[in-house]
Amino acid sequence: MKKGMVQMQESILVTFFIIIIISLGLVLYYKFTSSSIDNYEMEYREQQLTSSLITFQGFFEYTYFGEPMNAIDTSKLFYSSPNHRFRTIIIEQAYPPNDNVRCSIENYPECNYYVVYNKTNYKLKNTLVQSMPASLYYPLSDEHRLGKLTFYSYY
């Protein structure tokens, strides 16, 4: 009987260690997979934001169709507001330098930055920010100025 009990205890111990090793392997696999998915998600967000930033100047609502093409018509920025999800879109006039005055219909064109779209959710803690230069067209004076287009994406 003693020999049978010892073999039974050995079998239980071996089974217990095998279960622990398999459990550790599953936990490690889950952690690596989870971090990989988080990395893919962050890359996807960055690509999506970059794509939005590049195509923004080509939106029909904001584009000036004269020469040069793909300039942002600043007079159209007050009237169109498509849904861009939880983002803030700001267009700043970079050159010539001006006072930091937010643009509205009342003070246009004597201003230097436009908040085109602003939808935030305070539950979303992280922000992804990307900027690129943009050509701004002012139709009242028929001139082009250098600007900076900035997207803030909340997640």
N, C-alpha and C. Protein backbone atom coordinates (compact mmCIF):
# COMPACT_ATOMS: atom_id res chain seq x y z
N MET A 1 0.81 -1.19 0.00
CA MET A 1 0.00 0.00 0.00
C MET A 1 0.86 1.27 0.00
N LYS A 2 1.99 1.21 0.69
CA LYS A 2 2.84 2.38 0.76
C LYS A 2 3.41 2.73 -0.62
N LYS A 3 3.78 1.71 -1.38
CA LYS A 3 4.34 1.96 -2.71
C LYS A 3 3.30 2.61 -3.62
N GLY A 4 2.06 2.17 -3.53
CA GLY A 4 0.97 2.75 -4.32
C GLY A 4 0.68 4.19 -3.91
N MET A 5 0.75 4.48 -2.62
CA MET A 5 0.51 5.84 -2.13
C MET A 5 1.62 6.79 -2.61
N VAL A 6 2.87 6.33 -2.58
CA VAL A 6 4.00 7.15 -3.03
C VAL A 6 3.86 7.44 -4.52
N GLN A 7 3.50 6.44 -5.31
CA GLN A 7 3.32 6.66 -6.75
C GLN A 7 2.16 7.63 -7.01
N MET A 8 1.11 7.53 -6.22
CA MET A 8 -0.04 8.42 -6.38
C MET A 8 0.36 9.86 -6.05
N GLN A 9 1.13 10.04 -4.98
CA GLN A 9 1.59 11.38 -4.61
C GLN A 9 2.53 11.94 -5.67
N GLU A 10 3.42 11.12 -6.22
CA GLU A 10 4.30 11.57 -7.30
C GLU A 10 3.49 11.99 -8.52
N SER A 11 2.48 11.24 -8.86
CA SER A 11 1.63 11.59 -10.01
C SER A 11 0.91 12.92 -9.77
N ILE A 12 0.42 13.12 -8.57
CA ILE A 12 -0.27 14.37 -8.24
C ILE A 12 0.70 15.54 -8.32
N LEU A 13 1.93 15.37 -7.78
CA LEU A 13 2.93 16.44 -7.82
C LEU A 13 3.33 16.77 -9.27
N VAL A 14 3.58 15.76 -10.08
CA VAL A 14 3.95 15.99 -11.48
C VAL A 14 2.82 16.71 -12.20
N THR A 15 1.57 16.28 -11.99
CA THR A 15 0.42 16.93 -12.61
C THR A 15 0.31 18.39 -12.15
N PHE A 16 0.53 18.64 -10.88
CA PHE A 16 0.48 19.99 -10.33
C PHE A 16 1.53 20.88 -10.98
N PHE A 17 2.78 20.41 -11.10
CA PHE A 17 3.84 21.19 -11.74
C PHE A 17 3.56 21.44 -13.21
N ILE A 18 3.02 20.46 -13.89
CA ILE A 18 2.67 20.64 -15.31
C ILE A 18 1.58 21.71 -15.45
N ILE A 19 0.60 21.69 -14.57
CA ILE A 19 -0.46 22.71 -14.61
C ILE A 19 0.11 24.09 -14.34
N ILE A 20 1.03 24.19 -13.40
CA ILE A 20 1.67 25.50 -13.11
C ILE A 20 2.46 25.98 -14.31
N ILE A 21 3.23 25.11 -14.96
CA ILE A 21 4.02 25.51 -16.12
C ILE A 21 3.11 25.95 -17.27
N ILE A 22 2.04 25.23 -17.51
CA ILE A 22 1.09 25.60 -18.57
C ILE A 22 0.43 26.94 -18.23
N SER A 23 0.07 27.14 -16.97
CA SER A 23 -0.56 28.40 -16.55
C SER A 23 0.39 29.57 -16.76
N LEU A 24 1.65 29.43 -16.37
CA LEU A 24 2.63 30.50 -16.59
C LEU A 24 2.81 30.78 -18.07
N GLY A 25 2.84 29.74 -18.88
CA GLY A 25 2.95 29.93 -20.34
C GLY A 25 1.77 30.70 -20.88
N LEU A 26 0.56 30.40 -20.43
CA LEU A 26 -0.64 31.12 -20.90
C LEU A 26 -0.61 32.58 -20.46
N VAL A 27 -0.18 32.83 -19.23
CA VAL A 27 -0.11 34.21 -18.74
C VAL A 27 0.91 35.01 -19.55
N LEU A 28 2.09 34.44 -19.78
CA LEU A 28 3.10 35.14 -20.58
C LEU A 28 2.62 35.36 -22.01
N TYR A 29 1.98 34.37 -22.60
CA TYR A 29 1.44 34.52 -23.95
C TYR A 29 0.40 35.63 -23.99
N TYR A 30 -0.47 35.71 -23.00
CA TYR A 30 -1.49 36.76 -22.94
C TYR A 30 -0.85 38.14 -22.83
N LYS A 31 0.18 38.27 -21.96
CA LYS A 31 0.83 39.58 -21.80
C LYS A 31 1.51 40.03 -23.10
N PHE A 32 2.23 39.14 -23.77
CA PHE A 32 2.89 39.52 -25.02
C PHE A 32 1.87 39.84 -26.10
N THR A 33 0.81 39.08 -26.18
CA THR A 33 -0.23 39.34 -27.17
C THR A 33 -0.92 40.66 -26.88
N SER A 34 -1.20 40.93 -25.62
CA SER A 34 -1.86 42.19 -25.24
C SER A 34 -1.00 43.40 -25.59
N SER A 35 0.31 43.34 -25.29
CA SER A 35 1.18 44.47 -25.63
C SER A 35 1.32 44.63 -27.13
N SER A 36 1.32 43.53 -27.86
CA SER A 36 1.39 43.60 -29.32
C SER A 36 0.14 44.26 -29.89
N ILE A 37 -1.02 43.91 -29.35
CA ILE A 37 -2.27 44.52 -29.81
C ILE A 37 -2.29 46.01 -29.49
N ASP A 38 -1.79 46.39 -28.30
CA ASP A 38 -1.72 47.81 -27.94
C ASP A 38 -0.81 48.57 -28.90
N ASN A 39 0.32 47.96 -29.28
CA ASN A 39 1.23 48.61 -30.24
C ASN A 39 0.55 48.78 -31.60
N TYR A 40 -0.15 47.75 -32.07
CA TYR A 40 -0.86 47.84 -33.34
C TYR A 40 -1.94 48.91 -33.28
N GLU A 41 -2.62 49.01 -32.16
CA GLU A 41 -3.67 50.02 -32.01
C GLU A 41 -3.08 51.42 -32.07
N MET A 42 -1.94 51.63 -31.41
CA MET A 42 -1.30 52.95 -31.42
C MET A 42 -0.81 53.30 -32.83
N GLU A 43 -0.24 52.33 -33.53
CA GLU A 43 0.19 52.57 -34.90
C GLU A 43 -1.00 52.92 -35.79
N TYR A 44 -2.10 52.21 -35.59
CA TYR A 44 -3.31 52.48 -36.37
C TYR A 44 -3.83 53.88 -36.10
N ARG A 45 -3.84 54.30 -34.84
CA ARG A 45 -4.30 55.66 -34.50
C ARG A 45 -3.41 56.72 -35.15
N GLU A 46 -2.09 56.49 -35.10
CA GLU A 46 -1.17 57.45 -35.71
C GLU A 46 -1.38 57.52 -37.22
N GLN A 47 -1.55 56.37 -37.87
CA GLN A 47 -1.78 56.37 -39.31
C GLN A 47 -3.10 57.03 -39.67
N GLN A 48 -4.12 56.79 -38.87
CA GLN A 48 -5.42 57.39 -39.10
C GLN A 48 -5.34 58.91 -38.95
N LEU A 49 -4.63 59.38 -37.93
CA LEU A 49 -4.50 60.82 -37.71
C LEU A 49 -3.68 61.47 -38.83
N THR A 50 -2.61 60.80 -39.25
CA THR A 50 -1.80 61.32 -40.35
C THR A 50 -2.62 61.39 -41.64
N SER A 51 -3.40 60.37 -41.89
CA SER A 51 -4.25 60.36 -43.07
C SER A 51 -5.27 61.49 -43.03
N SER A 52 -5.87 61.71 -41.87
CA SER A 52 -6.84 62.81 -41.72
C SER A 52 -6.16 64.15 -41.93
N LEU A 53 -4.96 64.27 -41.41
CA LEU A 53 -4.22 65.52 -41.53
C LEU A 53 -3.89 65.83 -42.99
N ILE A 54 -3.49 64.80 -43.72
CA ILE A 54 -3.12 64.99 -45.13
C ILE A 54 -4.35 65.29 -45.99
N THR A 55 -5.45 64.61 -45.74
CA THR A 55 -6.64 64.78 -46.58
C THR A 55 -7.49 65.98 -46.18
N PHE A 56 -7.22 66.60 -45.03
CA PHE A 56 -8.04 67.72 -44.58
C PHE A 56 -8.04 68.86 -45.58
N GLN A 57 -6.89 69.16 -46.14
CA GLN A 57 -6.80 70.27 -47.08
C GLN A 57 -7.57 70.01 -48.36
N GLY A 58 -7.86 68.75 -48.65
CA GLY A 58 -8.60 68.41 -49.85
C GLY A 58 -10.10 68.31 -49.64
N PHE A 59 -10.58 68.51 -48.40
CA PHE A 59 -12.02 68.48 -48.17
C PHE A 59 -12.69 69.56 -49.00
N PHE A 60 -13.75 69.20 -49.64
CA PHE A 60 -14.47 70.12 -50.51
C PHE A 60 -14.94 71.35 -49.75
N GLU A 61 -15.30 71.19 -48.48
CA GLU A 61 -15.85 72.31 -47.72
C GLU A 61 -14.82 73.41 -47.47
N TYR A 62 -13.54 73.06 -47.44
CA TYR A 62 -12.51 74.02 -47.04
C TYR A 62 -11.57 74.44 -48.16
N THR A 63 -11.64 73.82 -49.31
CA THR A 63 -10.63 74.01 -50.35
C THR A 63 -10.89 75.25 -51.19
N TYR A 64 -9.80 75.94 -51.49
CA TYR A 64 -9.83 77.04 -52.45
C TYR A 64 -9.43 76.44 -53.79
N PHE A 65 -10.24 76.66 -54.83
CA PHE A 65 -10.03 76.01 -56.11
C PHE A 65 -9.21 76.83 -57.10
N GLY A 66 -8.58 77.88 -56.66
CA GLY A 66 -7.72 78.66 -57.55
C GLY A 66 -6.32 78.11 -57.55
N GLU A 67 -5.37 78.97 -57.85
CA GLU A 67 -3.97 78.57 -57.84
C GLU A 67 -3.33 79.10 -56.57
N PRO A 68 -2.56 78.42 -55.81
CA PRO A 68 -2.25 77.00 -55.90
C PRO A 68 -3.40 76.17 -55.35
N MET A 69 -3.50 74.97 -55.85
CA MET A 69 -4.55 74.06 -55.39
C MET A 69 -4.27 73.62 -53.95
N ASN A 70 -5.29 73.14 -53.30
CA ASN A 70 -5.23 72.62 -51.94
C ASN A 70 -4.89 73.67 -50.89
N ALA A 71 -5.15 74.92 -51.17
CA ALA A 71 -5.05 75.93 -50.12
C ALA A 71 -6.36 75.92 -49.34
N ILE A 72 -6.27 76.19 -48.06
CA ILE A 72 -7.46 76.22 -47.21
C ILE A 72 -8.08 77.61 -47.29
N ASP A 73 -9.32 77.67 -47.75
CA ASP A 73 -10.04 78.94 -47.85
C ASP A 73 -10.52 79.31 -46.45
N THR A 74 -9.95 80.35 -45.86
CA THR A 74 -10.25 80.69 -44.48
C THR A 74 -11.67 81.21 -44.29
N SER A 75 -12.28 81.72 -45.33
CA SER A 75 -13.66 82.22 -45.19
C SER A 75 -14.64 81.07 -45.03
N LYS A 76 -14.28 79.87 -45.45
CA LYS A 76 -15.17 78.71 -45.36
C LYS A 76 -15.06 77.99 -44.01
N LEU A 77 -14.12 78.38 -43.19
CA LEU A 77 -13.89 77.68 -41.93
C LEU A 77 -14.99 77.93 -40.90
N PHE A 78 -15.79 78.97 -41.09
CA PHE A 78 -16.83 79.31 -40.11
C PHE A 78 -18.13 78.56 -40.35
N TYR A 79 -18.34 78.03 -41.55
CA TYR A 79 -19.67 77.55 -41.92
C TYR A 79 -19.80 76.04 -42.02
N SER A 80 -18.73 75.32 -41.99
CA SER A 80 -18.81 73.88 -42.17
C SER A 80 -18.23 73.19 -40.94
N SER A 81 -18.93 72.18 -40.45
CA SER A 81 -18.38 71.44 -39.32
C SER A 81 -18.80 69.97 -39.40
N PRO A 82 -18.16 69.19 -40.27
CA PRO A 82 -18.45 67.76 -40.30
C PRO A 82 -17.98 67.09 -39.02
N ASN A 83 -18.45 65.89 -38.78
CA ASN A 83 -18.09 65.17 -37.56
C ASN A 83 -16.71 64.54 -37.72
N HIS A 84 -15.78 64.95 -36.87
CA HIS A 84 -14.42 64.39 -36.88
C HIS A 84 -14.16 63.59 -35.61
N ARG A 85 -15.21 63.07 -34.98
CA ARG A 85 -15.12 62.30 -33.74
C ARG A 85 -14.53 63.15 -32.62
N PHE A 86 -13.82 62.53 -31.68
CA PHE A 86 -13.26 63.28 -30.56
C PHE A 86 -11.91 63.85 -30.97
N ARG A 87 -11.97 65.04 -31.53
CA ARG A 87 -10.77 65.72 -32.01
C ARG A 87 -10.91 67.22 -31.83
N THR A 88 -9.77 67.87 -31.89
CA THR A 88 -9.73 69.32 -31.98
C THR A 88 -8.85 69.64 -33.18
N ILE A 89 -9.36 70.49 -34.05
CA ILE A 89 -8.62 70.89 -35.24
C ILE A 89 -8.39 72.39 -35.16
N ILE A 90 -7.12 72.78 -35.17
CA ILE A 90 -6.75 74.19 -35.07
C ILE A 90 -5.87 74.55 -36.26
N ILE A 91 -6.18 75.68 -36.86
CA ILE A 91 -5.36 76.21 -37.95
C ILE A 91 -4.79 77.54 -37.48
N GLU A 92 -3.46 77.63 -37.47
CA GLU A 92 -2.79 78.85 -37.03
C GLU A 92 -2.07 79.50 -38.20
N GLN A 93 -2.13 80.81 -38.25
CA GLN A 93 -1.34 81.54 -39.24
C GLN A 93 0.06 81.67 -38.68
N ALA A 94 1.04 81.13 -39.40
CA ALA A 94 2.42 81.13 -38.93
C ALA A 94 3.20 82.34 -39.42
N TYR A 95 2.91 82.76 -40.66
CA TYR A 95 3.64 83.90 -41.20
C TYR A 95 2.72 84.70 -42.09
N PRO A 96 2.67 85.97 -42.06
CA PRO A 96 3.39 86.87 -41.15
C PRO A 96 2.86 86.76 -39.73
N PRO A 97 3.73 86.94 -38.74
CA PRO A 97 3.30 86.81 -37.35
C PRO A 97 2.25 87.84 -36.98
N ASN A 98 1.37 87.45 -36.12
CA ASN A 98 0.25 88.29 -35.71
C ASN A 98 0.02 88.08 -34.22
N ASP A 99 -0.82 88.91 -33.61
CA ASP A 99 -1.20 88.67 -32.21
C ASP A 99 -2.00 87.38 -32.14
N ASN A 100 -2.03 86.78 -30.96
CA ASN A 100 -2.73 85.52 -30.78
C ASN A 100 -4.22 85.80 -30.58
N VAL A 101 -4.96 85.95 -31.67
CA VAL A 101 -6.38 86.30 -31.63
C VAL A 101 -7.17 85.18 -32.32
N ARG A 102 -8.15 84.64 -31.59
CA ARG A 102 -9.00 83.58 -32.16
C ARG A 102 -9.95 84.19 -33.18
N CYS A 103 -10.08 83.51 -34.31
CA CYS A 103 -10.90 84.02 -35.40
C CYS A 103 -12.38 83.75 -35.18
N SER A 104 -13.17 84.75 -35.51
CA SER A 104 -14.62 84.61 -35.53
C SER A 104 -15.12 85.44 -36.72
N ILE A 105 -16.39 85.37 -36.99
CA ILE A 105 -16.93 86.12 -38.13
C ILE A 105 -16.78 87.63 -37.91
N GLU A 106 -16.86 88.06 -36.65
CA GLU A 106 -16.78 89.49 -36.35
C GLU A 106 -15.38 90.07 -36.58
N ASN A 107 -14.32 89.32 -36.26
CA ASN A 107 -12.98 89.89 -36.39
C ASN A 107 -12.20 89.35 -37.60
N TYR A 108 -12.83 88.62 -38.48
CA TYR A 108 -12.16 88.08 -39.66
C TYR A 108 -11.82 89.21 -40.62
N PRO A 109 -10.67 89.30 -41.20
CA PRO A 109 -9.47 88.48 -41.17
C PRO A 109 -8.39 88.98 -40.22
N GLU A 110 -8.73 89.85 -39.27
CA GLU A 110 -7.74 90.40 -38.34
C GLU A 110 -7.51 89.46 -37.15
N CYS A 111 -7.16 88.24 -37.45
CA CYS A 111 -6.95 87.22 -36.42
C CYS A 111 -5.91 86.24 -36.94
N ASN A 112 -5.50 85.29 -36.09
CA ASN A 112 -4.46 84.39 -36.59
C ASN A 112 -4.65 82.92 -36.26
N TYR A 113 -5.71 82.53 -35.54
CA TYR A 113 -5.93 81.09 -35.41
C TYR A 113 -7.42 80.77 -35.39
N TYR A 114 -7.72 79.62 -35.98
CA TYR A 114 -9.09 79.14 -36.14
C TYR A 114 -9.23 77.82 -35.39
N VAL A 115 -10.28 77.72 -34.60
CA VAL A 115 -10.63 76.42 -34.02
C VAL A 115 -11.74 75.89 -34.92
N VAL A 116 -11.36 75.03 -35.85
CA VAL A 116 -12.28 74.54 -36.87
C VAL A 116 -13.26 73.54 -36.27
N TYR A 117 -12.76 72.68 -35.42
CA TYR A 117 -13.60 71.63 -34.83
C TYR A 117 -13.08 71.35 -33.44
N ASN A 118 -13.97 71.25 -32.47
CA ASN A 118 -13.55 70.98 -31.11
C ASN A 118 -14.59 70.11 -30.42
N LYS A 119 -14.28 68.85 -30.29
CA LYS A 119 -15.15 67.93 -29.57
C LYS A 119 -14.27 67.08 -28.67
N THR A 120 -14.38 67.31 -27.38
CA THR A 120 -13.57 66.57 -26.43
C THR A 120 -14.47 65.76 -25.51
N ASN A 121 -13.89 64.74 -24.95
CA ASN A 121 -14.56 63.92 -23.96
C ASN A 121 -13.60 63.81 -22.78
N TYR A 122 -14.02 64.27 -21.63
CA TYR A 122 -13.11 64.32 -20.48
C TYR A 122 -12.82 62.94 -19.89
N LYS A 123 -13.53 61.93 -20.35
CA LYS A 123 -13.23 60.57 -19.91
C LYS A 123 -12.01 60.01 -20.65
N LEU A 124 -11.74 60.56 -21.83
CA LEU A 124 -10.58 60.12 -22.61
C LEU A 124 -9.35 60.86 -22.11
N LYS A 125 -8.37 60.15 -21.62
CA LYS A 125 -7.22 60.76 -20.95
C LYS A 125 -6.04 61.01 -21.88
N ASN A 126 -5.92 60.29 -22.98
CA ASN A 126 -4.74 60.39 -23.84
C ASN A 126 -5.01 61.28 -25.03
N THR A 127 -3.97 61.96 -25.48
CA THR A 127 -4.06 62.84 -26.63
C THR A 127 -2.91 62.55 -27.58
N LEU A 128 -3.25 62.45 -28.86
CA LEU A 128 -2.26 62.28 -29.91
C LEU A 128 -2.28 63.56 -30.74
N VAL A 129 -1.13 64.20 -30.92
CA VAL A 129 -1.04 65.50 -31.60
C VAL A 129 -0.14 65.37 -32.81
N GLN A 130 -0.63 65.88 -33.96
CA GLN A 130 0.20 65.94 -35.16
C GLN A 130 -0.08 67.25 -35.88
N SER A 131 0.97 67.80 -36.50
CA SER A 131 0.86 69.08 -37.21
C SER A 131 1.53 68.98 -38.57
N MET A 132 1.13 69.88 -39.44
CA MET A 132 1.79 70.00 -40.74
C MET A 132 1.55 71.41 -41.29
N PRO A 133 2.44 71.88 -42.15
CA PRO A 133 2.23 73.20 -42.73
C PRO A 133 1.06 73.19 -43.71
N ALA A 134 0.44 74.35 -43.85
CA ALA A 134 -0.71 74.47 -44.75
C ALA A 134 -0.68 75.85 -45.40
N SER A 135 -1.23 75.92 -46.59
CA SER A 135 -1.39 77.19 -47.28
C SER A 135 -2.77 77.73 -46.98
N LEU A 136 -2.84 78.96 -46.46
CA LEU A 136 -4.11 79.59 -46.12
C LEU A 136 -4.43 80.67 -47.15
N TYR A 137 -5.64 80.62 -47.65
CA TYR A 137 -6.08 81.62 -48.64
C TYR A 137 -7.07 82.57 -47.98
N TYR A 138 -6.81 83.87 -48.10
CA TYR A 138 -7.70 84.90 -47.59
C TYR A 138 -8.37 85.58 -48.78
N PRO A 139 -9.65 85.27 -49.03
CA PRO A 139 -10.31 85.79 -50.24
C PRO A 139 -10.57 87.29 -50.22
N LEU A 140 -10.71 87.91 -49.05
CA LEU A 140 -10.98 89.36 -49.01
C LEU A 140 -9.79 90.16 -49.52
N SER A 141 -8.59 89.70 -49.21
CA SER A 141 -7.39 90.40 -49.69
C SER A 141 -6.72 89.66 -50.84
N ASP A 142 -7.27 88.52 -51.25
CA ASP A 142 -6.76 87.69 -52.34
C ASP A 142 -5.26 87.40 -52.15
N GLU A 143 -4.92 86.88 -50.96
CA GLU A 143 -3.53 86.55 -50.69
C GLU A 143 -3.43 85.21 -49.98
N HIS A 144 -2.24 84.62 -50.08
CA HIS A 144 -1.94 83.35 -49.43
C HIS A 144 -0.97 83.61 -48.29
N ARG A 145 -1.16 82.87 -47.20
CA ARG A 145 -0.26 82.98 -46.06
C ARG A 145 0.10 81.58 -45.60
N LEU A 146 1.21 81.49 -44.90
CA LEU A 146 1.67 80.21 -44.38
C LEU A 146 0.95 79.92 -43.06
N GLY A 147 0.49 78.69 -42.92
CA GLY A 147 -0.20 78.30 -41.70
C GLY A 147 0.24 76.95 -41.20
N LYS A 148 -0.24 76.61 -40.02
CA LYS A 148 0.06 75.32 -39.42
C LYS A 148 -1.27 74.66 -39.05
N LEU A 149 -1.48 73.47 -39.57
CA LEU A 149 -2.68 72.69 -39.32
C LEU A 149 -2.35 71.67 -38.24
N THR A 150 -3.09 71.70 -37.12
CA THR A 150 -2.81 70.82 -35.99
C THR A 150 -4.05 70.02 -35.63
N PHE A 151 -3.88 68.72 -35.51
CA PHE A 151 -4.95 67.81 -35.09
C PHE A 151 -4.62 67.29 -33.69
N TYR A 152 -5.58 67.36 -32.80
CA TYR A 152 -5.49 66.74 -31.48
C TYR A 152 -6.53 65.63 -31.46
N SER A 153 -6.10 64.40 -31.32
CA SER A 153 -7.02 63.26 -31.29
C SER A 153 -7.04 62.69 -29.89
N TYR A 154 -8.24 62.53 -29.33
CA TYR A 154 -8.40 62.05 -27.95
C TYR A 154 -8.82 60.59 -27.96
N TYR A 155 -8.18 59.82 -27.11
CA TYR A 155 -8.53 58.40 -27.00
C TYR A 155 -8.32 57.93 -25.57
